[in-house]
Protein backbone atom coordinates (compact mmCIF):
# COMPACT_ATOMS: atom_id res chain seq x y z
CA MET A 1 -2.75 -0.59 10.66
CA ASN A 2 0.76 -0.55 9.26
CA ASP A 3 1.71 -3.53 11.42
CA ARG A 4 -1.40 -5.41 10.38
CA ARG A 5 -0.71 -4.78 6.70
CA ALA A 6 2.88 -5.95 7.15
CA GLN A 7 1.63 -9.26 8.58
CA LEU A 8 -0.25 -10.13 5.38
CA THR A 9 1.39 -12.75 3.18
CA VAL A 10 2.24 -11.91 -0.43
CA VAL A 11 -0.58 -14.22 -1.54
CA ASP A 12 -3.07 -12.50 0.80
CA ARG A 13 -2.05 -9.09 -0.57
CA GLN A 14 -2.32 -10.23 -4.19
CA GLN A 15 -5.74 -11.82 -3.67
CA ALA A 16 -7.12 -8.77 -1.85
CA ALA A 17 -5.76 -6.42 -4.53
CA GLY A 18 -7.33 -8.52 -7.28
CA ARG A 19 -10.74 -8.55 -5.63
CA ALA A 20 -10.59 -4.81 -4.86
CA ALA A 21 -9.63 -4.09 -8.49
CA GLU A 22 -12.65 -6.07 -9.70
CA ARG A 23 -14.96 -4.10 -7.40
CA MET A 24 -13.52 -0.77 -8.51
CA LEU A 25 -13.68 -1.62 -12.21
CA ALA A 26 -17.29 -2.79 -11.83
CA LEU A 27 -18.33 0.75 -10.82
CA ALA A 28 -20.14 2.34 -13.75
CA GLU A 29 -18.29 5.63 -13.30
CA VAL A 30 -14.87 3.99 -13.42
CA ASP A 31 -15.74 1.93 -16.50
CA ALA A 32 -17.11 5.04 -18.25
CA ILE A 33 -13.98 7.05 -17.43
CA ALA A 34 -11.73 4.38 -18.94
CA ARG A 35 -13.86 3.84 -22.04
CA ARG A 36 -13.95 7.54 -22.92
CA ALA A 37 -10.16 7.75 -22.56
CA GLY A 38 -10.47 9.66 -19.31
CA CYS A 39 -7.64 10.02 -16.84
CA VAL A 40 -7.25 8.00 -13.64
CA ALA A 41 -4.59 9.02 -11.11
CA GLY A 42 -3.36 6.07 -9.10
CA PHE A 43 -0.34 5.30 -6.96
CA ALA A 44 2.41 2.71 -6.63
CA ALA A 45 1.94 0.57 -3.52
CA VAL A 46 4.65 0.64 -0.85
CA ARG A 47 4.94 -0.80 2.66
CA ALA A 48 2.36 -3.58 2.07
CA GLU A 49 -0.33 -1.14 0.86
CA ILE A 50 -3.04 -2.72 -1.26
CA ASP A 51 -1.78 -2.55 -4.84
CA PRO A 52 -3.90 -0.73 -7.46
CA ALA A 53 -1.72 -2.01 -10.34
CA ALA A 54 -4.29 -4.52 -11.66
CA ALA A 55 -7.01 -1.85 -11.74
CA LEU A 56 -4.72 0.68 -13.41
CA ASP A 57 -3.60 -1.85 -16.03
CA GLU A 58 -7.23 -2.60 -16.86
CA VAL A 59 -8.04 1.12 -17.12
CA ARG A 60 -5.28 1.35 -19.74
CA ARG A 61 -6.59 -1.74 -21.53
CA ARG A 62 -10.06 -0.16 -21.76
CA GLY A 63 -8.60 3.00 -23.29
CA GLY A 64 -8.05 5.25 -20.27
CA ARG A 65 -4.94 7.20 -19.35
CA VAL A 66 -3.11 6.64 -16.05
CA ALA A 67 -1.14 9.18 -14.06
CA TYR A 68 0.96 8.75 -10.93
CA PRO A 69 1.88 11.24 -8.20
CA ARG A 70 5.26 12.91 -8.04
CA VAL A 71 6.49 15.14 -5.25
CA ALA A 72 7.64 18.36 -6.93
CA ASP A 73 10.09 20.70 -5.26
CA ASP A 74 9.08 24.00 -6.80
CA GLN A 75 8.54 26.41 -3.89
CA ARG A 76 7.69 23.76 -1.34
CA PRO A 77 7.09 20.03 -1.71
CA ARG A 78 3.73 19.36 -3.30
CA LEU A 79 2.03 16.60 -5.27
CA ARG A 80 1.79 16.68 -9.06
CA PHE A 81 0.47 13.99 -11.40
CA HIS A 82 2.27 12.82 -14.56
CA LEU A 83 1.15 10.30 -17.19
CA ALA A 84 3.26 7.15 -17.01
CA GLU A 85 3.41 3.43 -17.52
CA SER A 86 4.18 1.43 -14.40
CA ALA A 87 7.54 0.46 -15.93
CA ASP A 88 8.50 4.18 -16.06
CA LEU A 89 8.32 4.65 -12.29
CA GLN A 90 11.53 5.36 -10.38
CA ALA A 91 12.25 5.65 -6.67
CA GLY A 92 11.67 9.25 -5.62
CA ARG A 93 11.26 11.08 -2.35
CA PHE A 94 10.86 8.69 0.60
CA GLY A 95 11.66 5.80 -1.79
CA ILE A 96 8.16 5.91 -3.28
CA PRO A 97 8.03 5.02 -7.00
CA GLU A 98 7.05 8.04 -9.08
CA PRO A 99 7.06 9.11 -12.74
CA PRO A 100 9.98 10.98 -14.28
CA ALA A 101 9.73 14.77 -14.03
CA ASP A 102 9.76 15.16 -17.81
CA ASN A 103 6.66 12.98 -18.33
CA GLN A 104 3.53 14.94 -19.27
CA GLU A 105 1.97 16.59 -16.22
CA VAL A 106 -1.80 16.38 -15.80
CA ALA A 107 -3.65 19.15 -13.98
CA LEU A 108 -6.20 18.20 -11.33
CA GLY A 109 -8.99 19.53 -13.56
CA GLN A 110 -8.01 17.03 -16.26
CA ILE A 111 -8.22 14.04 -13.92
CA ASP A 112 -11.52 12.17 -13.68
CA LEU A 113 -10.70 9.81 -10.81
CA VAL A 114 -8.05 9.90 -8.09
CA ILE A 115 -7.37 6.62 -6.29
CA VAL A 116 -5.82 7.47 -2.94
CA PRO A 117 -3.90 5.34 -0.46
CA GLY A 118 -4.35 5.69 3.27
CA VAL A 119 -3.79 4.15 6.66
CA ALA A 120 -7.48 4.14 7.62
CA PHE A 121 -10.84 5.23 6.18
CA ASP A 122 -14.40 5.56 7.45
CA ALA A 123 -17.85 5.50 5.86
CA GLU A 124 -18.26 9.27 6.19
CA GLY A 125 -15.43 9.91 3.74
CA ARG A 126 -12.65 10.66 6.19
CA ARG A 127 -9.16 9.38 5.40
CA LEU A 128 -6.10 9.05 7.59
CA GLY A 129 -2.89 9.32 5.58
CA LEU A 130 0.73 9.19 6.65
CA GLY A 131 0.70 12.76 7.93
CA GLY A 132 2.42 14.62 5.08
CA GLY A 133 -0.78 16.29 3.90
CA TYR A 134 0.15 15.96 0.22
CA TYR A 135 -3.21 14.59 -0.94
CA ASP A 136 -5.17 16.94 1.33
CA GLU A 137 -3.37 19.96 -0.11
CA LEU A 138 -3.90 18.79 -3.68
CA LEU A 139 -7.57 17.89 -3.24
CA GLY A 140 -8.21 21.13 -1.38
CA THR A 141 -7.30 23.21 -4.44
CA ARG A 142 -9.90 24.25 -6.97
CA PRO A 143 -9.21 22.78 -10.42
CA SER A 144 -8.56 25.52 -12.95
CA GLY A 145 -10.11 25.84 -16.37
CA GLU A 146 -13.65 26.28 -17.56
CA GLY A 147 -15.90 23.39 -16.65
CA SER A 148 -13.25 21.85 -14.41
CA ALA A 149 -14.58 20.02 -11.39
CA ARG A 150 -12.91 18.17 -8.58
CA PRO A 151 -12.42 14.56 -9.67
CA LEU A 152 -14.09 11.57 -8.11
CA VAL A 153 -11.85 10.48 -5.20
CA LEU A 154 -11.86 6.87 -4.04
CA GLY A 155 -9.75 5.28 -1.34
CA LEU A 156 -8.33 1.81 -1.93
CA ALA A 157 -7.73 -0.30 1.16
CA TYR A 158 -7.91 -3.67 2.82
CA ASP A 159 -11.26 -4.11 4.49
CA PHE A 160 -9.73 -4.06 7.99
CA GLN A 161 -8.57 -0.48 7.29
CA VAL A 162 -12.18 0.72 7.38
CA VAL A 163 -12.90 1.95 10.91
CA ASP A 164 -15.90 3.43 12.68
CA ALA A 165 -14.42 6.94 12.69
CA CYS A 166 -11.13 8.40 11.48
CA PRO A 167 -9.65 11.38 13.27
CA ALA A 168 -9.87 14.49 11.10
CA GLU A 169 -8.47 18.01 11.14
CA PRO A 170 -10.12 21.02 9.47
CA HIS A 171 -7.70 20.84 6.51
CA ASP A 172 -8.39 17.13 5.84
CA GLN A 173 -10.25 16.54 2.58
CA MET A 174 -13.22 14.20 2.40
CA ILE A 175 -13.29 11.46 -0.22
CA ASP A 176 -16.22 10.00 -2.16
CA GLY A 177 -15.86 6.43 -1.02
CA VAL A 178 -13.55 3.54 -0.34
CA VAL A 179 -13.14 0.26 -2.20
CA THR A 180 -11.87 -2.84 -0.45
CA GLU A 181 -11.63 -6.50 -1.38
CA ALA A 182 -14.98 -7.06 0.37
CA ARG A 183 -17.13 -4.02 -0.43
CA VAL A 184 -17.64 -0.55 -1.85
CA ILE A 185 -18.53 2.08 0.74
CA ARG A 186 -20.15 5.23 -0.61
CA SER A 187 -19.77 8.48 1.27
CA ALA A 188 -22.38 11.22 1.34
CA PRO A 189 -22.08 13.61 -1.63
CA ARG A 190 -19.86 16.63 -1.02
CA ASP A 191 -21.26 20.13 -1.29
CA GLY A 192 -20.45 21.51 -4.70
CA GLY A 193 -18.56 18.42 -5.76
CA ALA A 194 -19.07 15.14 -7.43
CA GLY A 195 -21.41 12.65 -5.85
CA ALA A 196 -20.48 9.33 -4.39
CA PRO A 197 -19.64 6.46 -6.71
């Protein structure tokens, strides 16, 4: 998958990202989150990943807040989200752009939608990441605070990254769906969590 992504031209990547952003923003849940000034956690694309920047910019334009992941070194490396503009991002661990540590942190229970990257996805909600387990650890925690629920979790990918079945380990967290330049795939609702988009 990484090799196939790397073979895409810049124009191909931009066109796919634009179409995927349109599909994501057309989802009623995503539009509602932005319009009520909800919080969307995205990511900065690296290594020819599909770029969520257009979708995140439009979320901001509609009134939503946008957070990006940062690898925090408190007791052990783990993912945290901080509010940021894309211009604020700086190269962090592994060279991945991330927000400054002093930007406002947003707890998982305050996030309405998490857009996750991945190497491959399937229609059952399985996701294959790069092997660090950062997103799985984060999404496997229970959000704290009264009324807090796990956010809606959507993968963003090129359509060729959707496969018949992704390998999964017991600790791997299921997602609610995946959005590509060609389609929206809805996963079965999780027990005790939010439904599919």
